[in-house]
C-alpha cells in the first residue's frame, strides 16, 4: 500500500473532524452519526480509522480524569 497523497490525507482528516463534531453534538451516539462514520471509513486507511478511534477514546478518558470524574479501579492498591 502506498502512502496517501496530501489531498487524500486532507479528505481523511476532514471526514474525521466531521465525525467527531457529530459525536460531540450527539453525546457519542453512533447511530446519529452513521453517515459520517461511513464517509470516514471510506476516505481513511483502515489503520488510520483504528488509530483515530483509539485516540478519541483516550482524549475522552483524559478529559474525564482531568475533570475529576474518573474513579480508580476497584483493585487499585491503596498506598
PDB file of N, CA and C in Angstrom:
ATOM      1  N   UNK A   1       0.837  -1.177   0.000  1.00  0.00           N
ATOM      2  CA  UNK A   1       0.000   0.000   0.000  1.00  0.00           C
ATOM      3  C   UNK A   1       0.884   1.243   0.000  1.00  0.00           C
ATOM      4  N   UNK A   2       0.575   2.163  -0.856  1.00  0.00           N
ATOM      5  CA  UNK A   2       1.350   3.404  -0.909  1.00  0.00           C
ATOM      6  C   UNK A   2       0.764   4.420   0.072  1.00  0.00           C
ATOM      7  N   UNK A   3       1.584   5.372   0.433  1.00  0.00           N
ATOM      8  CA  UNK A   3       1.156   6.416   1.365  1.00  0.00           C
ATOM      9  C   UNK A   3       0.094   7.292   0.705  1.00  0.00           C
ATOM     10  N   UNK A   4      -0.885   7.736   1.468  1.00  0.00           N
ATOM     11  CA  UNK A   4      -1.912   8.616   0.904  1.00  0.00           C
ATOM     12  C   UNK A   4      -1.315   9.961   0.473  1.00  0.00           C
ATOM     13  N   UNK A   5      -1.865  10.516  -0.581  1.00  0.00           N
ATOM     14  CA  UNK A   5      -1.414  11.829  -1.047  1.00  0.00           C
ATOM     15  C   UNK A   5      -1.905  12.899  -0.070  1.00  0.00           C
ATOM     16  N   UNK A   6      -1.398  14.105  -0.228  1.00  0.00           N
ATOM     17  CA  UNK A   6      -1.825  15.185   0.674  1.00  0.00           C
ATOM     18  C   UNK A   6      -3.322  15.453   0.529  1.00  0.00           C
ATOM     19  N   UNK A   7      -3.843  15.307  -0.675  1.00  0.00           N
ATOM     20  CA  UNK A   7      -5.277  15.506  -0.899  1.00  0.00           C
ATOM     21  C   UNK A   7      -6.084  14.417  -0.170  1.00  0.00           C
ATOM     22  N   UNK A   8      -5.611  13.175  -0.234  1.00  0.00           N
ATOM     23  CA  UNK A   8      -6.288  12.074   0.459  1.00  0.00           C
ATOM     24  C   UNK A   8      -6.208  12.251   1.980  1.00  0.00           C
ATOM     25  N   UNK A   9      -5.066  12.724   2.467  1.00  0.00           N
ATOM     26  CA  UNK A   9      -4.921  12.966   3.912  1.00  0.00           C
ATOM     27  C   UNK A   9      -5.882  14.057   4.372  1.00  0.00           C
ATOM     28  N   UNK A  10      -5.978  15.136   3.607  1.00  0.00           N
ATOM     29  CA  UNK A  10      -6.897  16.227   3.961  1.00  0.00           C
ATOM     30  C   UNK A  10      -8.348  15.723   3.985  1.00  0.00           C
ATOM     31  N   UNK A  11      -8.708  14.905   3.003  1.00  0.00           N
ATOM     32  CA  UNK A  11     -10.068  14.367   2.953  1.00  0.00           C
ATOM     33  C   UNK A  11     -10.340  13.474   4.161  1.00  0.00           C
ATOM     34  N   UNK A  12      -9.363  12.652   4.519  1.00  0.00           N
ATOM     35  CA  UNK A  12      -9.499  11.765   5.676  1.00  0.00           C
ATOM     36  C   UNK A  12      -9.656  12.572   6.956  1.00  0.00           C
ATOM     37  N   UNK A  13      -8.764  13.525   7.176  1.00  0.00           N
ATOM     38  CA  UNK A  13      -8.812  14.339   8.386  1.00  0.00           C
ATOM     39  C   UNK A  13     -10.109  15.151   8.445  1.00  0.00           C
ATOM     40  N   UNK A  14     -10.570  15.624   7.311  1.00  0.00           N
ATOM     41  CA  UNK A  14     -11.837  16.361   7.273  1.00  0.00           C
ATOM     42  C   UNK A  14     -13.005  15.471   7.665  1.00  0.00           C
ATOM     43  N   UNK A  15     -13.007  14.237   7.150  1.00  0.00           N
ATOM     44  CA  UNK A  15     -14.064  13.281   7.491  1.00  0.00           C
ATOM     45  C   UNK A  15     -14.008  12.930   8.974  1.00  0.00           C
ATOM     46  N   UNK A  16     -12.786  12.793   9.505  1.00  0.00           N
ATOM     47  CA  UNK A  16     -12.618  12.514  10.944  1.00  0.00           C
ATOM     48  C   UNK A  16     -13.156  13.673  11.766  1.00  0.00           C
ATOM     49  N   UNK A  17     -12.830  14.893  11.369  1.00  0.00           N
ATOM     50  CA  UNK A  17     -13.295  16.068  12.097  1.00  0.00           C
ATOM     51  C   UNK A  17     -14.825  16.166  12.087  1.00  0.00           C
ATOM     52  N   UNK A  18     -15.435  15.892  10.942  1.00  0.00           N
ATOM     53  CA  UNK A  18     -16.897  15.931  10.846  1.00  0.00           C
ATOM     54  C   UNK A  18     -17.528  14.859  11.733  1.00  0.00           C
ATOM     55  N   UNK A  19     -16.956  13.664  11.739  1.00  0.00           N
ATOM     56  CA  UNK A  19     -17.469  12.586  12.589  1.00  0.00           C
ATOM     57  C   UNK A  19     -17.366  12.973  14.054  1.00  0.00           C
ATOM     58  N   UNK A  20     -16.204  13.459  14.468  1.00  0.00           N
ATOM     59  CA  UNK A  20     -16.015  13.829  15.868  1.00  0.00           C
ATOM     60  C   UNK A  20     -16.954  14.961  16.274  1.00  0.00           C
ATOM     61  N   UNK A  21     -17.165  15.925  15.372  1.00  0.00           N
ATOM     62  CA  UNK A  21     -18.082  17.029  15.662  1.00  0.00           C
ATOM     63  C   UNK A  21     -19.500  16.488  15.870  1.00  0.00           C
ATOM     64  N   UNK A  22     -19.897  15.557  15.012  1.00  0.00           N
ATOM     65  CA  UNK A  22     -21.221  14.943  15.137  1.00  0.00           C
ATOM     66  C   UNK A  22     -21.328  14.174  16.456  1.00  0.00           C
ATOM     67  N   UNK A  23     -20.305  13.375  16.766  1.00  0.00           N
ATOM     68  CA  UNK A  23     -20.329  12.606  18.015  1.00  0.00           C
ATOM     69  C   UNK A  23     -20.380  13.524  19.228  1.00  0.00           C
ATOM     70  N   UNK A  24     -19.649  14.633  19.185  1.00  0.00           N
ATOM     71  CA  UNK A  24     -19.673  15.590  20.292  1.00  0.00           C
ATOM     72  C   UNK A  24     -21.063  16.198  20.465  1.00  0.00           C
ATOM     73  N   UNK A  25     -21.705  16.535  19.357  1.00  0.00           N
ATOM     74  CA  UNK A  25     -23.019  17.180  19.447  1.00  0.00           C
ATOM     75  C   UNK A  25     -24.132  16.202  19.805  1.00  0.00           C
ATOM     76  N   UNK A  26     -23.907  14.906  19.581  1.00  0.00           N
ATOM     77  CA  UNK A  26     -24.912  13.889  19.900  1.00  0.00           C
ATOM     78  C   UNK A  26     -24.485  13.015  21.084  1.00  0.00           C
ATOM     79  N   UNK A  27     -23.558  13.511  21.884  1.00  0.00           N
ATOM     80  CA  UNK A  27     -23.082  12.809  23.085  1.00  0.00           C
ATOM     81  C   UNK A  27     -22.668  11.372  22.778  1.00  0.00           C
ATOM     82  N   UNK A  28     -21.846  11.216  21.747  1.00  0.00           N
ATOM     83  CA  UNK A  28     -21.271   9.934  21.330  1.00  0.00           C
ATOM     84  C   UNK A  28     -22.304   8.888  20.916  1.00  0.00           C
ATOM     85  N   UNK A  29     -23.455   9.333  20.425  1.00  0.00           N
ATOM     86  CA  UNK A  29     -24.463   8.415  19.899  1.00  0.00           C
ATOM     87  C   UNK A  29     -24.088   8.062  18.463  1.00  0.00           C
ATOM     88  N   UNK A  30     -23.508   6.883  18.280  1.00  0.00           N
ATOM     89  CA  UNK A  30     -23.026   6.465  16.976  1.00  0.00           C
ATOM     90  C   UNK A  30     -24.111   6.325  15.931  1.00  0.00           C
ATOM     91  N   UNK A  31     -25.339   5.994  16.341  1.00  0.00           N
ATOM     92  CA  UNK A  31     -26.406   5.810  15.362  1.00  0.00           C
ATOM     93  C   UNK A  31     -26.784   7.124  14.684  1.00  0.00           C
ATOM     94  N   UNK A  32     -26.630   8.239  15.397  1.00  0.00           N
ATOM     95  CA  UNK A  32     -26.958   9.536  14.817  1.00  0.00           C
ATOM     96  C   UNK A  32     -25.899   9.987  13.809  1.00  0.00           C
ATOM     97  N   UNK A  33     -24.735   9.363  13.851  1.00  0.00           N
ATOM     98  CA  UNK A  33     -23.609   9.799  13.016  1.00  0.00           C
ATOM     99  C   UNK A  33     -23.155   8.728  12.026  1.00  0.00           C
ATOM    100  N   UNK A  34     -24.051   7.822  11.666  1.00  0.00           N
ATOM    101  CA  UNK A  34     -23.670   6.710  10.791  1.00  0.00           C
ATOM    102  C   UNK A  34     -23.144   7.180   9.441  1.00  0.00           C
ATOM    103  N   UNK A  35     -23.755   8.215   8.869  1.00  0.00           N
ATOM    104  CA  UNK A  35     -23.301   8.662   7.542  1.00  0.00           C
ATOM    105  C   UNK A  35     -21.881   9.227   7.627  1.00  0.00           C
ATOM    106  N   UNK A  36     -21.573   9.912   8.731  1.00  0.00           N
ATOM    107  CA  UNK A  36     -20.219  10.442   8.914  1.00  0.00           C
ATOM    108  C   UNK A  36     -19.223   9.312   9.139  1.00  0.00           C
ATOM    109  N   UNK A  37     -19.640   8.289   9.868  1.00  0.00           N
ATOM    110  CA  UNK A  37     -18.784   7.124  10.115  1.00  0.00           C
ATOM    111  C   UNK A  37     -18.477   6.422   8.794  1.00  0.00           C
ATOM    112  N   UNK A  38     -19.480   6.244   7.958  1.00  0.00           N
ATOM    113  CA  UNK A  38     -19.284   5.586   6.658  1.00  0.00           C
ATOM    114  C   UNK A  38     -18.314   6.376   5.790  1.00  0.00           C
ATOM    115  N   UNK A  39     -18.487   7.679   5.764  1.00  0.00           N
ATOM    116  CA  UNK A  39     -17.605   8.524   4.961  1.00  0.00           C
ATOM    117  C   UNK A  39     -16.179   8.465   5.505  1.00  0.00           C
ATOM    118  N   UNK A  40     -16.036   8.531   6.821  1.00  0.00           N
ATOM    119  CA  UNK A  40     -14.734   8.449   7.478  1.00  0.00           C
ATOM    120  C   UNK A  40     -14.040   7.143   7.113  1.00  0.00           C
ATOM    121  N   UNK A  41     -14.745   6.028   7.214  1.00  0.00           N
ATOM    122  CA  UNK A  41     -14.158   4.728   6.902  1.00  0.00           C
ATOM    123  C   UNK A  41     -13.827   4.585   5.422  1.00  0.00           C
ATOM    124  N   UNK A  42     -14.605   5.239   4.556  1.00  0.00           N
ATOM    125  CA  UNK A  42     -14.355   5.160   3.115  1.00  0.00           C
ATOM    126  C   UNK A  42     -13.142   5.995   2.697  1.00  0.00           C
ATOM    127  N   UNK A  43     -12.911   7.107   3.384  1.00  0.00           N
ATOM    128  CA  UNK A  43     -11.845   8.023   2.982  1.00  0.00           C
ATOM    129  C   UNK A  43     -10.503   7.773   3.671  1.00  0.00           C
ATOM    130  N   UNK A  44     -10.509   7.017   4.762  1.00  0.00           N
ATOM    131  CA  UNK A  44      -9.279   6.811   5.528  1.00  0.00           C
ATOM    132  C   UNK A  44      -8.814   5.358   5.454  1.00  0.00           C
ATOM    133  N   UNK A  45      -7.493   5.154   5.455  1.00  0.00           N
ATOM    134  CA  UNK A  45      -6.981   3.791   5.538  1.00  0.00           C
ATOM    135  C   UNK A  45      -7.444   3.138   6.850  1.00  0.00           C
ATOM    136  N   UNK A  46      -7.629   1.830   6.826  1.00  0.00           N
ATOM    137  CA  UNK A  46      -8.143   1.109   7.999  1.00  0.00           C
ATOM    138  C   UNK A  46      -7.287   1.343   9.244  1.00  0.00           C
ATOM    139  N   UNK A  47      -5.961   1.420   9.063  1.00  0.00           N
ATOM    140  CA  UNK A  47      -5.086   1.652  10.216  1.00  0.00           C
ATOM    141  C   UNK A  47      -5.355   3.026  10.834  1.00  0.00           C
ATOM    142  N   UNK A  48      -5.647   4.001  10.004  1.00  0.00           N
ATOM    143  CA  UNK A  48      -5.925   5.348  10.493  1.00  0.00           C
ATOM    144  C   UNK A  48      -7.253   5.380  11.249  1.00  0.00           C
ATOM    145  N   UNK A  49      -8.247   4.659  10.732  1.00  0.00           N
ATOM    146  CA  UNK A  49      -9.554   4.597  11.400  1.00  0.00           C
ATOM    147  C   UNK A  49      -9.367   4.026  12.805  1.00  0.00           C
ATOM    148  N   UNK A  50      -8.616   2.939  12.889  1.00  0.00           N
ATOM    149  CA  UNK A  50      -8.358   2.310  14.186  1.00  0.00           C
ATOM    150  C   UNK A  50      -7.620   3.280  15.107  1.00  0.00           C
ATOM    151  N   UNK A  51      -6.607   3.956  14.591  1.00  0.00           N
ATOM    152  CA  UNK A  51      -5.840   4.907  15.381  1.00  0.00           C
ATOM    153  C   UNK A  51      -6.725   6.059  15.878  1.00  0.00           C
ATOM    154  N   UNK A  52      -7.503   6.661  14.970  1.00  0.00           N
ATOM    155  CA  UNK A  52      -8.335   7.796  15.351  1.00  0.00           C
ATOM    156  C   UNK A  52      -9.408   7.397  16.364  1.00  0.00           C
ATOM    157  N   UNK A  53      -9.958   6.183  16.229  1.00  0.00           N
ATOM    158  CA  UNK A  53     -10.944   5.714  17.206  1.00  0.00           C
ATOM    159  C   UNK A  53     -10.311   5.579  18.594  1.00  0.00           C
ATOM    160  N   UNK A  54      -9.121   4.993  18.642  1.00  0.00           N
ATOM    161  CA  UNK A  54      -8.422   4.857  19.923  1.00  0.00           C
ATOM    162  C   UNK A  54      -8.038   6.228  20.474  1.00  0.00           C
ATOM    163  N   UNK A  55      -7.639   7.122  19.603  1.00  0.00           N
ATOM    164  CA  UNK A  55      -7.245   8.467  20.015  1.00  0.00           C
ATOM    165  C   UNK A  55      -8.426   9.205  20.645  1.00  0.00           C
ATOM    166  N   UNK A  56      -9.594   9.090  20.029  1.00  0.00           N
ATOM    167  CA  UNK A  56     -10.783   9.740  20.588  1.00  0.00           C
ATOM    168  C   UNK A  56     -11.114   9.164  21.961  1.00  0.00           C
ATOM    169  N   UNK A  57     -11.066   7.836  22.086  1.00  0.00           N
ATOM    170  CA  UNK A  57     -11.325   7.215  23.386  1.00  0.00           C
ATOM    171  C   UNK A  57     -10.346   7.730  24.437  1.00  0.00           C
ATOM    172  N   UNK A  58      -9.066   7.805  24.078  1.00  0.00           N
ATOM    173  CA  UNK A  58      -8.057   8.293  25.017  1.00  0.00           C
ATOM    174  C   UNK A  58      -8.323   9.741  25.411  1.00  0.00           C
ATOM    175  N   UNK A  59      -8.617  10.594  24.437  1.00  0.00           N
ATOM    176  CA  UNK A  59      -8.853  12.001  24.735  1.00  0.00           C
ATOM    177  C   UNK A  59     -10.084  12.197  25.621  1.00  0.00           C
ATOM    178  N   UNK A  60     -11.125  11.396  25.384  1.00  0.00           N
ATOM    179  CA  UNK A  60     -12.317  11.474  26.235  1.00  0.00           C
ATOM    180  C   UNK A  60     -11.986  11.019  27.651  1.00  0.00           C
ATOM    181  N   UNK A  61     -11.204   9.950  27.785  1.00  0.00           N
ATOM    182  CA  UNK A  61     -10.802   9.460  29.102  1.00  0.00           C
ATOM    183  C   UNK A  61      -9.940  10.500  29.814  1.00  0.00           C
ATOM    184  N   UNK A  62      -8.995  11.076  29.097  1.00  0.00           N
ATOM    185  CA  UNK A  62      -8.114  12.090  29.673  1.00  0.00           C
ATOM    186  C   UNK A  62      -8.917  13.290  30.166  1.00  0.00           C
ATOM    187  N   UNK A  63      -9.890  13.702  29.371  1.00  0.00           N
ATOM    188  CA  UNK A  63     -10.754  14.817  29.747  1.00  0.00           C
ATOM    189  C   UNK A  63     -11.516  14.494  31.041  1.00  0.00           C
ATOM    190  N   UNK A  64     -11.981  13.262  31.137  1.00  0.00           N
ATOM    191  CA  UNK A  64     -12.717  12.819  32.319  1.00  0.00           C
ATOM    192  C   UNK A  64     -11.811  12.803  33.554  1.00  0.00           C
ATOM    193  N   UNK A  65     -10.589  12.299  33.391  1.00  0.00           N
ATOM    194  CA  UNK A  65      -9.641  12.241  34.502  1.00  0.00           C
ATOM    195  C   UNK A  65      -9.282  13.644  34.962  1.00  0.00           C
ATOM    196  N   UNK A  66      -8.974  14.514  34.041  1.00  0.00           N
ATOM    197  CA  UNK A  66      -8.591  15.879  34.388  1.00  0.00           C
ATOM    198  C   UNK A  66      -9.740  16.651  35.026  1.00  0.00           C
ATOM    199  N   UNK A  67     -10.968  16.257  34.706  1.00  0.00           N
ATOM    200  CA  UNK A  67     -12.125  16.912  35.296  1.00  0.00           C
ATOM    201  C   UNK A  67     -12.510  16.318  36.638  1.00  0.00           C
ATOM    202  N   UNK A  68     -11.792  15.285  37.062  1.00  0.00           N
ATOM    203  CA  UNK A  68     -12.071  14.650  38.348  1.00  0.00           C
ATOM    204  C   UNK A  68     -13.211  13.658  38.314  1.00  0.00           C
ATOM    205  N   UNK A  69     -13.661  13.278  37.136  1.00  0.00           N
ATOM    206  CA  UNK A  69     -14.796  12.360  37.031  1.00  0.00           C
ATOM    207  C   UNK A  69     -14.441  10.899  36.976  1.00  0.00           C
ATOM    208  N   UNK A  70     -13.173  10.577  36.930  1.00  0.00           N
ATOM    209  CA  UNK A  70     -12.772   9.167  36.824  1.00  0.00           C
ATOM    210  C   UNK A  70     -12.555   8.599  38.216  1.00  0.00           C
ATOM    211  N   UNK A  71     -13.006   7.381  38.398  1.00  0.00           N
ATOM    212  CA  UNK A  71     -12.822   6.673  39.660  1.00  0.00           C
ATOM    213  C   UNK A  71     -11.677   5.681  39.500  1.00  0.00           C
ATOM    214  N   UNK A  72     -10.880   5.467  40.536  1.00  0.00           N
ATOM    215  CA  UNK A  72      -9.813   4.465  40.441  1.00  0.00           C
ATOM    216  C   UNK A  72     -10.401   3.062  40.313  1.00  0.00           C
ATOM    217  N   UNK A  73      -9.644   2.170  39.733  1.00  0.00           N
ATOM    218  CA  UNK A  73     -10.092   0.789  39.571  1.00  0.00           C
ATOM    219  C   UNK A  73     -10.337   0.168  40.937  1.00  0.00           C
ATOM    220  N   UNK A  74     -11.280  -0.770  41.013  1.00  0.00           N
ATOM    221  CA  UNK A  74     -11.652  -1.399  42.282  1.00  0.00           C
ATOM    222  C   UNK A  74     -10.472  -2.121  42.920  1.00  0.00           C
ATOM    223  N   UNK A  75      -9.601  -2.688  42.083  1.00  0.00           N
ATOM    224  CA  UNK A  75      -8.465  -3.450  42.601  1.00  0.00           C
ATOM    225  C   UNK A  75      -7.208  -2.598  42.749  1.00  0.00           C
ATOM    226  N   UNK A  76      -7.326  -1.301  42.635  1.00  0.00           N
ATOM    227  CA  UNK A  76      -6.144  -0.443  42.760  1.00  0.00           C
ATOM    228  C   UNK A  76      -5.600  -0.517  44.184  1.00  0.00           C
ATOM    229  N   UNK A  77      -4.307  -0.624  44.293  1.00  0.00           N
ATOM    230  CA  UNK A  77      -3.666  -0.744  45.603  1.00  0.00           C
ATOM    231  C   UNK A  77      -3.785   0.570  46.373  1.00  0.00           C
ATOM    232  N   UNK A  78      -4.112   0.460  47.626  1.00  0.00           N
ATOM    233  CA  UNK A  78      -4.168   1.636  48.497  1.00  0.00           C
ATOM    234  C   UNK A  78      -2.779   1.823  49.091  1.00  0.00           C
ATOM    235  N   UNK A  79      -2.195   2.955  48.843  1.00  0.00           N
ATOM    236  CA  UNK A  79      -0.835   3.199  49.313  1.00  0.00           C
ATOM    237  C   UNK A  79      -0.835   4.157  50.485  1.00  0.00           C
TER     238      UNK A  79
END
